Amino acid sequence: MEEAKVSADLAALENEKTVLRSPRDGILGDKDAELGEYITPNKKIATLVNIDSVVVKVGVIEKEIDRIFPGQKVVLTVDTYPNVEFTGKVENLNPMVAPGSRTLGIEARLANEGGLLLPGMFARVRITIFEQDNALTVPNDAVEKTSGGSRVFVVTKNNTAEARDVEVSYVSSQFSLISRGLEPGDLVITQRPQDLKAGAAVKIIEKS
């Protein structure tokens, strides 16, 4: 009887060794072994993933590299949930540009509430390079550099040109962000002659 008990204890111990326990919470992904298969040491049997937050990898073209920094806001959308926006922040920048695509790899981490985002999905990513409240944008051609800063010309109620000193907070490839010097509704002259001076008569031509 004692021998049978020992055998049962040994069997229970051996059975205990067949139970695999993960050191952390997650979702079982790829399975690399089947039930009853003999497993050797160091053999991968499954992939455990935690998708409470996800990392998205994006390639940024060379001319935009100097505008990307860790901590910038990232907004992501996927075709599966076109009306849902996932937000996060830029986390890491690759120190090298990919020689083939000439892009810089960056990584952004996003919260994944509800586990909607899955590993391997393709996504569209928007990175907020600069953000400022109560600012106006004008075409770059409208801004003139001066010894004291920047200025634009606006059309007054009397249809004359008025030089207006402005503060430029940010310049993109097409637009300048004006944080001071303009008010909503100001008519900014975007295509001005080189010899335009304050007080000159202005005729507004509406494009058809």
Protein backbone atom coordinates (compact mmCIF):
# COMPACT_ATOMS: atom_id res chain seq x y z
CA MET A 1 0.00 0.00 0.00
CA GLU A 2 2.85 2.34 0.90
CA GLU A 3 4.52 1.57 -2.42
CA ALA A 4 1.33 2.49 -4.29
CA LYS A 5 1.14 5.79 -2.39
CA VAL A 6 4.75 6.62 -3.29
CA SER A 7 4.03 5.81 -6.93
CA ALA A 8 0.98 8.08 -6.84
CA ASP A 9 3.00 10.89 -5.27
CA LEU A 10 5.69 10.51 -7.94
CA ALA A 11 3.04 10.56 -10.66
CA ALA A 12 1.52 13.72 -9.19
CA LEU A 13 4.97 15.33 -9.04
CA GLU A 14 5.69 14.43 -12.65
CA ASN A 15 2.30 15.77 -13.68
CA GLU A 16 3.03 19.02 -11.87
CA LYS A 17 6.15 19.42 -13.98
CA THR A 18 4.04 19.37 -17.14
CA VAL A 19 2.18 22.54 -16.12
CA LEU A 20 3.75 25.69 -17.55
CA ARG A 21 3.12 28.95 -15.75
CA SER A 22 3.85 32.37 -17.20
CA PRO A 23 5.79 34.83 -15.04
CA ARG A 24 3.49 37.65 -16.20
CA ASP A 25 -0.01 38.30 -17.52
CA GLY A 26 -0.68 38.33 -21.24
CA ILE A 27 -2.38 36.72 -24.21
CA LEU A 28 -1.12 33.53 -25.82
CA GLY A 29 -0.08 34.29 -29.39
CA ASP A 30 1.84 31.97 -31.70
CA LYS A 31 1.97 28.32 -30.59
CA ASP A 32 5.15 26.46 -31.56
CA ALA A 33 4.46 23.08 -29.93
CA GLU A 34 1.59 20.59 -29.98
CA LEU A 35 -0.01 18.49 -27.24
CA GLY A 36 2.07 15.39 -26.55
CA GLU A 37 5.15 16.71 -28.34
CA TYR A 38 8.51 16.07 -26.69
CA ILE A 39 10.06 19.37 -25.60
CA THR A 40 13.80 19.89 -25.33
CA PRO A 41 15.41 22.53 -23.12
CA ASN A 42 15.35 26.09 -24.55
CA LYS A 43 12.74 25.17 -27.17
CA LYS A 44 10.20 27.90 -27.82
CA ILE A 45 6.68 26.57 -27.29
CA ALA A 46 4.55 29.73 -27.49
CA THR A 47 4.60 33.52 -27.66
CA LEU A 48 3.02 35.50 -24.84
CA VAL A 49 2.03 39.08 -25.62
CA ASN A 50 0.78 41.90 -23.45
CA ILE A 51 -1.29 44.38 -25.47
CA ASP A 52 -2.37 46.76 -22.71
CA SER A 53 -0.11 49.14 -24.61
CA VAL A 54 1.38 48.67 -28.07
CA VAL A 55 4.42 49.97 -29.94
CA VAL A 56 3.98 51.22 -33.49
CA LYS A 57 6.96 51.51 -35.84
CA VAL A 58 6.97 54.34 -38.38
CA GLY A 59 9.41 55.52 -41.04
CA VAL A 60 9.97 59.29 -41.30
CA ILE A 61 11.48 60.83 -44.44
CA GLU A 62 14.86 62.56 -44.13
CA LYS A 63 13.67 66.16 -44.49
CA GLU A 64 11.30 65.73 -41.53
CA ILE A 65 13.80 64.10 -39.15
CA ASP A 66 14.77 67.33 -37.36
CA ARG A 67 11.12 67.90 -36.43
CA ILE A 68 10.59 64.62 -34.59
CA PHE A 69 11.36 64.32 -30.87
CA PRO A 70 10.50 61.90 -28.05
CA GLY A 71 7.32 62.94 -26.28
CA GLN A 72 5.48 64.29 -29.32
CA LYS A 73 1.82 63.34 -29.61
CA VAL A 74 0.89 60.49 -31.96
CA VAL A 75 -2.59 59.72 -33.29
CA LEU A 76 -3.17 56.34 -34.95
CA THR A 77 -6.07 54.89 -36.93
CA VAL A 78 -6.61 51.46 -38.47
CA ASP A 79 -9.02 50.28 -41.16
CA THR A 80 -10.73 47.89 -38.75
CA TYR A 81 -11.91 50.80 -36.56
CA PRO A 82 -11.93 53.83 -38.90
CA ASN A 83 -13.78 56.07 -36.43
CA VAL A 84 -11.54 55.31 -33.45
CA GLU A 85 -8.37 57.32 -32.76
CA PHE A 86 -5.66 55.83 -30.57
CA THR A 87 -3.27 58.30 -28.96
CA GLY A 88 0.24 57.97 -27.62
CA LYS A 89 3.69 59.52 -27.72
CA VAL A 90 6.93 59.14 -29.64
CA GLU A 91 9.20 56.99 -27.50
CA ASN A 92 12.37 56.11 -29.44
CA LEU A 93 14.23 57.29 -32.54
CA ASN A 94 16.55 55.01 -34.45
CA PRO A 95 20.08 56.51 -34.52
CA MET A 96 20.53 55.53 -38.18
CA VAL A 97 18.68 56.24 -41.43
CA ALA A 98 17.67 53.16 -43.43
CA PRO A 99 19.93 53.14 -46.52
CA GLY A 100 17.27 51.78 -48.88
CA SER A 101 14.21 53.87 -48.03
CA ARG A 102 16.16 56.85 -46.63
CA THR A 103 13.76 56.98 -43.71
CA LEU A 104 14.35 57.16 -39.98
CA GLY A 105 12.63 54.50 -37.92
CA ILE A 106 10.77 55.74 -34.86
CA GLU A 107 8.76 53.94 -32.21
CA ALA A 108 5.67 55.31 -30.50
CA ARG A 109 3.82 53.75 -27.59
CA LEU A 110 0.04 53.92 -27.44
CA ALA A 111 -2.53 52.87 -24.87
CA ASN A 112 -4.65 49.98 -26.18
CA GLU A 113 -7.85 50.15 -24.17
CA GLY A 114 -10.03 47.15 -24.87
CA GLY A 115 -7.23 45.37 -26.73
CA LEU A 116 -8.49 46.55 -30.12
CA LEU A 117 -5.02 46.92 -31.62
CA LEU A 118 -3.32 43.64 -32.45
CA PRO A 119 0.31 42.86 -33.31
CA GLY A 120 0.96 42.96 -37.05
CA MET A 121 -1.77 45.46 -37.94
CA PHE A 122 -1.08 48.20 -40.49
CA ALA A 123 -1.98 51.72 -39.40
CA ARG A 124 -1.97 55.38 -40.39
CA VAL A 125 -0.04 57.59 -38.00
CA ARG A 126 -0.19 61.35 -37.49
CA ILE A 127 2.53 63.02 -35.42
CA THR A 128 1.86 66.45 -33.93
CA ILE A 129 5.08 68.35 -34.60
CA PHE A 130 3.97 71.63 -33.05
CA GLU A 131 0.83 72.67 -31.21
CA GLN A 132 -0.26 76.11 -30.06
CA ASP A 133 -3.63 77.57 -29.12
CA ASN A 134 -4.98 80.83 -30.57
CA ALA A 135 -2.52 80.98 -33.46
CA LEU A 136 -3.12 81.72 -37.14
CA THR A 137 -1.34 80.39 -40.21
CA VAL A 138 -0.38 82.23 -43.39
CA PRO A 139 1.49 81.06 -46.50
CA ASN A 140 5.25 81.39 -46.19
CA ASP A 141 5.33 83.77 -49.17
CA ALA A 142 3.26 86.26 -47.17
CA VAL A 143 5.94 86.66 -44.50
CA GLU A 144 8.77 89.13 -45.04
CA LYS A 145 11.95 89.00 -42.99
CA THR A 146 13.07 92.31 -41.47
CA SER A 147 16.01 93.40 -39.35
CA GLY A 148 13.74 93.30 -36.31
CA GLY A 149 11.91 90.06 -37.05
CA SER A 150 9.05 89.35 -39.45
CA ARG A 151 6.14 91.24 -40.95
CA VAL A 152 3.18 90.77 -43.25
CA PHE A 153 1.03 93.18 -45.21
CA VAL A 154 -2.69 93.31 -44.57
CA VAL A 155 -5.48 95.12 -46.41
CA THR A 156 -7.17 97.88 -44.40
CA LYS A 157 -10.82 98.92 -44.60
CA ASN A 158 -9.72 101.70 -46.94
CA ASN A 159 -8.14 99.15 -49.30
CA THR A 160 -4.60 100.22 -48.54
CA ALA A 161 -1.63 98.09 -47.52
CA GLU A 162 -0.61 98.11 -43.87
CA ALA A 163 2.67 96.62 -42.66
CA ARG A 164 2.13 94.50 -39.57
CA ASP A 165 4.93 93.16 -37.36
CA VAL A 166 4.24 89.54 -36.44
CA GLU A 167 5.74 86.82 -34.30
CA VAL A 168 6.35 83.54 -36.12
CA SER A 169 6.23 80.53 -33.80
CA TYR A 170 6.75 77.77 -36.33
CA VAL A 171 7.46 77.35 -40.04
CA SER A 172 6.44 74.30 -42.06
CA SER A 173 7.16 73.58 -45.70
CA GLN A 174 4.18 75.74 -46.76
CA PHE A 175 2.83 77.74 -43.84
CA SER A 176 4.02 79.99 -41.02
CA LEU A 177 2.33 79.90 -37.63
CA ILE A 178 1.65 83.44 -36.38
CA SER A 179 1.24 83.72 -32.61
CA ARG A 180 1.13 87.53 -32.38
CA GLY A 181 0.32 90.43 -34.70
CA LEU A 182 -2.72 89.12 -36.59
CA GLU A 183 -6.38 88.83 -35.75
CA PRO A 184 -8.96 86.42 -37.18
CA GLY A 185 -10.48 87.99 -40.28
CA ASP A 186 -7.42 90.05 -41.26
CA LEU A 187 -6.89 90.08 -45.03
CA VAL A 188 -3.25 89.11 -45.56
CA ILE A 189 -1.58 89.89 -48.87
CA THR A 190 -0.04 86.62 -49.99
CA GLN A 191 1.13 87.60 -53.48
CA ARG A 192 2.73 90.99 -53.09
CA PRO A 193 5.06 92.91 -55.43
CA GLN A 194 8.60 93.38 -54.19
CA ASP A 195 8.19 97.17 -53.99
CA LEU A 196 4.96 97.10 -51.98
CA LYS A 197 4.95 99.80 -49.30
CA ALA A 198 2.64 100.69 -46.44
CA GLY A 199 -0.18 102.98 -47.58
CA ALA A 200 -0.19 101.74 -51.17
CA ALA A 201 -3.61 101.26 -52.74
CA VAL A 202 -4.71 97.64 -52.98
CA LYS A 203 -7.27 96.12 -55.33
CA ILE A 204 -8.68 92.77 -54.29
CA ILE A 205 -9.27 90.42 -57.21
CA GLU A 206 -11.52 87.47 -56.54
CA LYS A 207 -10.51 84.24 -58.27
CA SER A 208 -13.25 82.58 -60.29
